[in-house]
Amino acid sequence: MTATAFDFDKARFNMIEQQIRPWEVLDARVLALLGELRREDFVPEAYRALALSDLEIPLSHPAVEGESMLAPKVEARIVQDLQLRPTDNILHIGTGSGYLAALLARLGRQVLSIEINPRLADMARTNLARAGVDNVQVKTADAAAGRFAPCVSEAPYDAIVLGGSVAEIPTDLLELLRVGGRLFAVVGEEPIMRATLVTRGSETGFHSEQPWDIVIPRLRNFPQPSDFRF
């Protein structure tokens, strides 16, 4: 079956009912958004018929390790866990195709999304413009360079989202949260990684919870924990 003959509306319904809801995504705003925003429009043509499947979608053809869209249920759970508000200023690192940035933008005020790969950044800009999402700024940069200097321009943030996994959450990134802000990251080493939600309760106080497990590709160039031990 070709992508043009594929029934995306039926597949979208099945995605929501068979993938998203069983993953405890029950927020009516998130479910409605998943039904409205056409995920298939953010997927390379070679993989378009797989856009609503329960898997990571390569963003290159042939596939390149680490360059992929997260599975739909993972993106949905991230957005739900952040409990975004219409006034939120959001930082997103790892733009990829732009789909997760678009979800964030529909529920927040504005998104700064940073992508290290110029080709993917251009793809995301095209996809976002085609979808009519005009409150996402895609910046081509290494987000972690210079102690997260590319991220500082729009700080402080109400929400920060890491689109790939990291070994640990850098303190310099947490400092870009405003009080009351939330950061989502997948933290750890294969085969054990934990979805981690950090809330800044005060200027110096942070609360962390790890509600679910998932393994996703690494973000590039993030600081690694020191192996030095006393």
Protein backbone atom coordinates (compact mmCIF):
# COMPACT_ATOMS: atom_id res chain seq x y z
CA MET A 1 0.00 0.00 0.00
CA THR A 2 1.41 3.39 -0.96
CA ALA A 3 1.51 6.38 1.38
CA THR A 4 -1.02 8.19 -0.83
CA ALA A 5 -3.54 5.35 -0.43
CA PHE A 6 -2.96 4.99 3.29
CA ASP A 7 -5.88 5.93 5.56
CA PHE A 8 -4.11 8.31 7.93
CA ASP A 9 -7.31 9.34 9.71
CA LYS A 10 -8.04 5.74 10.68
CA ALA A 11 -4.41 5.18 11.64
CA ARG A 12 -4.48 8.35 13.78
CA PHE A 13 -7.57 7.12 15.63
CA ASN A 14 -5.90 3.76 16.23
CA MET A 15 -2.71 5.46 17.39
CA ILE A 16 -4.58 7.44 20.02
CA GLU A 17 -6.75 4.56 21.22
CA GLN A 18 -4.21 1.71 21.05
CA GLN A 19 -0.88 3.46 21.76
CA ILE A 20 -1.49 6.77 23.53
CA ARG A 21 -4.31 6.06 25.98
CA PRO A 22 -2.79 2.76 27.23
CA TRP A 23 0.32 4.79 28.12
CA GLU A 24 -1.77 6.77 30.61
CA VAL A 25 -2.07 9.84 28.39
CA LEU A 26 -5.59 10.98 29.23
CA ASP A 27 -5.28 14.79 29.15
CA ALA A 28 -8.08 15.93 26.83
CA ARG A 29 -5.97 18.81 25.46
CA VAL A 30 -3.14 16.48 24.49
CA LEU A 31 -5.44 13.89 22.93
CA ALA A 32 -7.23 16.56 20.89
CA LEU A 33 -3.93 17.99 19.71
CA LEU A 34 -2.68 14.57 18.59
CA GLY A 35 -5.85 14.22 16.56
CA GLU A 36 -5.40 17.63 14.91
CA LEU A 37 -1.68 17.94 14.20
CA ARG A 38 -0.80 15.74 11.23
CA ARG A 39 2.26 13.75 12.31
CA GLU A 40 2.68 12.31 8.82
CA ASP A 41 3.51 15.81 7.53
CA PHE A 42 6.66 15.82 9.70
CA VAL A 43 8.00 12.47 8.47
CA PRO A 44 10.36 11.97 5.49
CA GLU A 45 8.44 10.70 2.47
CA ALA A 46 10.24 7.34 2.51
CA TYR A 47 8.75 6.56 5.95
CA ARG A 48 5.44 8.44 5.73
CA ALA A 49 3.23 5.35 5.86
CA LEU A 50 4.87 4.49 9.22
CA ALA A 51 4.30 7.95 10.73
CA LEU A 52 1.62 6.81 13.18
CA SER A 53 3.20 3.47 14.09
CA ASP A 54 4.51 2.63 17.55
CA LEU A 55 8.18 3.08 16.70
CA GLU A 56 10.91 5.66 16.21
CA ILE A 57 10.93 7.05 12.66
CA PRO A 58 14.28 7.67 10.93
CA LEU A 59 14.80 11.25 9.74
CA SER A 60 17.32 10.27 7.08
CA HIS A 61 17.17 7.81 4.19
CA PRO A 62 19.16 5.67 4.59
CA ALA A 63 18.75 5.90 8.36
CA VAL A 64 21.42 7.57 10.49
CA GLU A 65 21.87 6.39 14.08
CA GLY A 66 20.46 8.85 16.59
CA GLU A 67 18.46 10.86 14.03
CA SER A 68 14.87 9.83 14.55
CA MET A 69 11.44 10.94 15.74
CA LEU A 70 10.44 9.56 19.11
CA ALA A 71 7.55 7.11 19.20
CA PRO A 72 4.15 8.89 19.36
CA LYS A 73 3.32 7.61 22.85
CA VAL A 74 6.62 8.98 24.20
CA GLU A 75 6.04 12.44 22.72
CA ALA A 76 2.48 12.45 24.05
CA ARG A 77 3.56 11.46 27.56
CA ILE A 78 6.27 14.15 27.60
CA VAL A 79 3.78 16.84 26.66
CA GLN A 80 1.24 15.64 29.22
CA ASP A 81 3.77 15.42 32.07
CA LEU A 82 4.92 19.01 31.51
CA GLN A 83 1.39 20.36 32.12
CA LEU A 84 2.00 23.30 29.80
CA ARG A 85 0.15 26.60 30.08
CA PRO A 86 -0.71 29.08 27.29
CA THR A 87 1.74 31.62 28.79
CA ASP A 88 4.72 29.24 28.91
CA ASN A 89 8.06 30.16 27.36
CA ILE A 90 9.63 26.85 26.26
CA LEU A 91 13.12 25.67 25.36
CA HIS A 92 13.34 22.49 23.27
CA ILE A 93 16.71 20.88 22.51
CA GLY A 94 16.90 18.42 19.63
CA THR A 95 14.41 19.72 17.07
CA GLY A 96 14.55 16.78 14.69
CA SER A 97 11.54 16.93 12.36
CA GLY A 98 9.86 19.71 14.37
CA TYR A 99 6.86 17.62 15.44
CA LEU A 100 7.49 17.68 19.20
CA ALA A 101 8.27 21.41 18.96
CA ALA A 102 4.91 21.88 17.22
CA LEU A 103 3.07 20.01 19.99
CA LEU A 104 4.78 22.18 22.60
CA ALA A 105 4.03 25.35 20.67
CA ARG A 106 0.32 24.59 20.37
CA LEU A 107 0.04 24.43 24.18
CA GLY A 108 2.55 27.17 25.11
CA ARG A 109 3.27 30.77 24.14
CA GLN A 110 6.56 30.37 22.29
CA VAL A 111 9.27 27.78 21.71
CA LEU A 112 12.99 28.16 21.07
CA SER A 113 14.02 24.85 19.48
CA ILE A 114 17.71 24.11 18.93
CA GLU A 115 19.03 21.59 16.40
CA ILE A 116 22.71 20.76 15.89
CA ASN A 117 22.25 19.30 12.38
CA PRO A 118 21.66 22.06 9.78
CA ARG A 119 19.81 19.69 7.44
CA LEU A 120 17.35 18.68 10.15
CA ALA A 121 16.92 22.31 11.23
CA ASP A 122 15.94 23.24 7.67
CA MET A 123 13.57 20.27 7.51
CA ALA A 124 11.92 21.33 10.75
CA ARG A 125 11.48 24.94 9.59
CA THR A 126 9.78 23.72 6.41
CA ASN A 127 7.53 21.30 8.30
CA LEU A 128 6.51 23.89 10.89
CA ALA A 129 5.73 26.52 8.26
CA ARG A 130 3.64 24.03 6.27
CA ALA A 131 1.69 23.13 9.44
CA GLY A 132 1.04 26.82 10.19
CA VAL A 133 3.01 26.76 13.46
CA ASP A 134 4.47 30.27 13.70
CA ASN A 135 5.52 30.46 17.37
CA VAL A 136 8.59 28.21 17.08
CA GLN A 137 12.04 29.66 16.44
CA VAL A 138 14.42 26.96 15.16
CA LYS A 139 18.07 27.81 15.84
CA THR A 140 20.91 25.82 14.27
CA ALA A 141 23.48 25.42 17.05
CA ASP A 142 25.16 23.06 19.49
CA ALA A 143 22.88 23.70 22.48
CA ALA A 144 25.48 22.59 25.03
CA ALA A 145 28.30 24.79 23.70
CA GLY A 146 29.71 27.41 26.04
CA ARG A 147 27.69 26.22 29.05
CA PHE A 148 24.45 26.38 27.00
CA ALA A 149 25.14 29.84 25.60
CA PRO A 150 22.82 29.28 22.55
CA CYS A 151 19.91 28.78 24.96
CA VAL A 152 20.32 31.92 27.05
CA SER A 153 18.68 34.49 24.75
CA GLU A 154 15.08 33.66 25.69
CA ALA A 155 15.69 32.57 29.32
CA PRO A 156 14.27 32.13 31.87
CA TYR A 157 12.01 29.31 30.70
CA ASP A 158 8.80 27.90 32.10
CA ALA A 159 9.58 24.54 30.50
CA ILE A 160 12.69 22.88 29.06
CA VAL A 161 12.43 19.69 27.00
CA LEU A 162 15.34 17.50 25.95
CA GLY A 163 14.46 15.56 22.81
CA GLY A 164 17.10 12.88 23.45
CA SER A 165 18.65 11.13 26.42
CA VAL A 166 21.51 12.41 28.58
CA ALA A 167 23.79 10.82 31.17
CA GLU A 168 22.87 13.53 33.68
CA ILE A 169 21.08 16.89 33.70
CA PRO A 170 23.62 19.75 33.65
CA THR A 171 23.30 22.35 36.41
CA ASP A 172 23.84 25.13 33.85
CA LEU A 173 20.65 24.04 32.08
CA LEU A 174 18.60 23.88 35.28
CA GLU A 175 19.64 27.47 36.02
CA LEU A 176 17.74 28.59 32.91
CA LEU A 177 14.41 27.59 34.53
CA ARG A 178 12.34 30.25 36.21
CA VAL A 179 10.93 29.44 39.67
CA GLY A 180 8.00 27.11 39.09
CA GLY A 181 9.48 25.91 35.80
CA ARG A 182 9.76 22.26 34.76
CA LEU A 183 12.45 20.37 32.86
CA PHE A 184 11.88 17.02 31.15
CA ALA A 185 14.77 14.71 30.26
CA VAL A 186 15.43 11.01 29.82
CA VAL A 187 18.42 10.27 32.05
CA GLY A 188 20.72 7.27 32.39
CA GLU A 189 22.73 4.70 30.47
CA GLU A 190 21.44 1.80 28.40
CA PRO A 191 19.72 -0.46 29.24
CA ILE A 192 18.25 1.63 32.09
CA MET A 193 17.01 5.16 31.48
CA ARG A 194 14.36 7.07 33.42
CA ALA A 195 11.99 9.80 32.32
CA THR A 196 12.87 12.60 34.71
CA LEU A 197 10.79 15.68 35.55
CA VAL A 198 12.57 18.40 37.53
CA THR A 199 10.64 21.32 39.03
CA ARG A 200 12.34 24.46 40.29
CA GLY A 201 10.61 25.24 43.59
CA SER A 202 12.81 28.20 44.55
CA GLU A 203 15.99 29.98 43.45
CA THR A 204 18.08 27.18 44.96
CA GLY A 205 15.60 24.32 45.33
CA PHE A 206 14.77 21.63 42.77
CA HIS A 207 12.41 18.66 43.06
CA SER A 208 12.88 15.61 40.84
CA GLU A 209 10.63 12.65 40.03
CA GLN A 210 11.07 9.73 37.64
CA PRO A 211 7.62 8.43 36.71
CA TRP A 212 8.46 5.99 33.88
CA ASP A 213 11.22 4.13 32.04
CA ILE A 214 12.22 4.54 28.41
CA VAL A 215 15.37 4.23 26.28
CA ILE A 216 15.81 6.86 23.55
CA PRO A 217 18.77 8.04 21.43
CA ARG A 218 21.44 10.30 22.93
CA LEU A 219 21.64 14.05 22.45
CA ARG A 220 24.99 15.02 20.95
CA ASN A 221 27.76 16.81 22.86
CA PHE A 222 26.09 16.97 26.26
CA PRO A 223 28.50 16.90 29.24
CA GLN A 224 29.39 13.43 30.50
CA PRO A 225 29.75 12.57 34.21
CA SER A 226 33.30 12.54 35.43
CA ASP A 227 34.79 9.08 35.94
CA PHE A 228 37.05 10.43 38.68
CA ARG A 229 36.46 8.95 42.12
CA PHE A 230 38.24 9.57 45.43
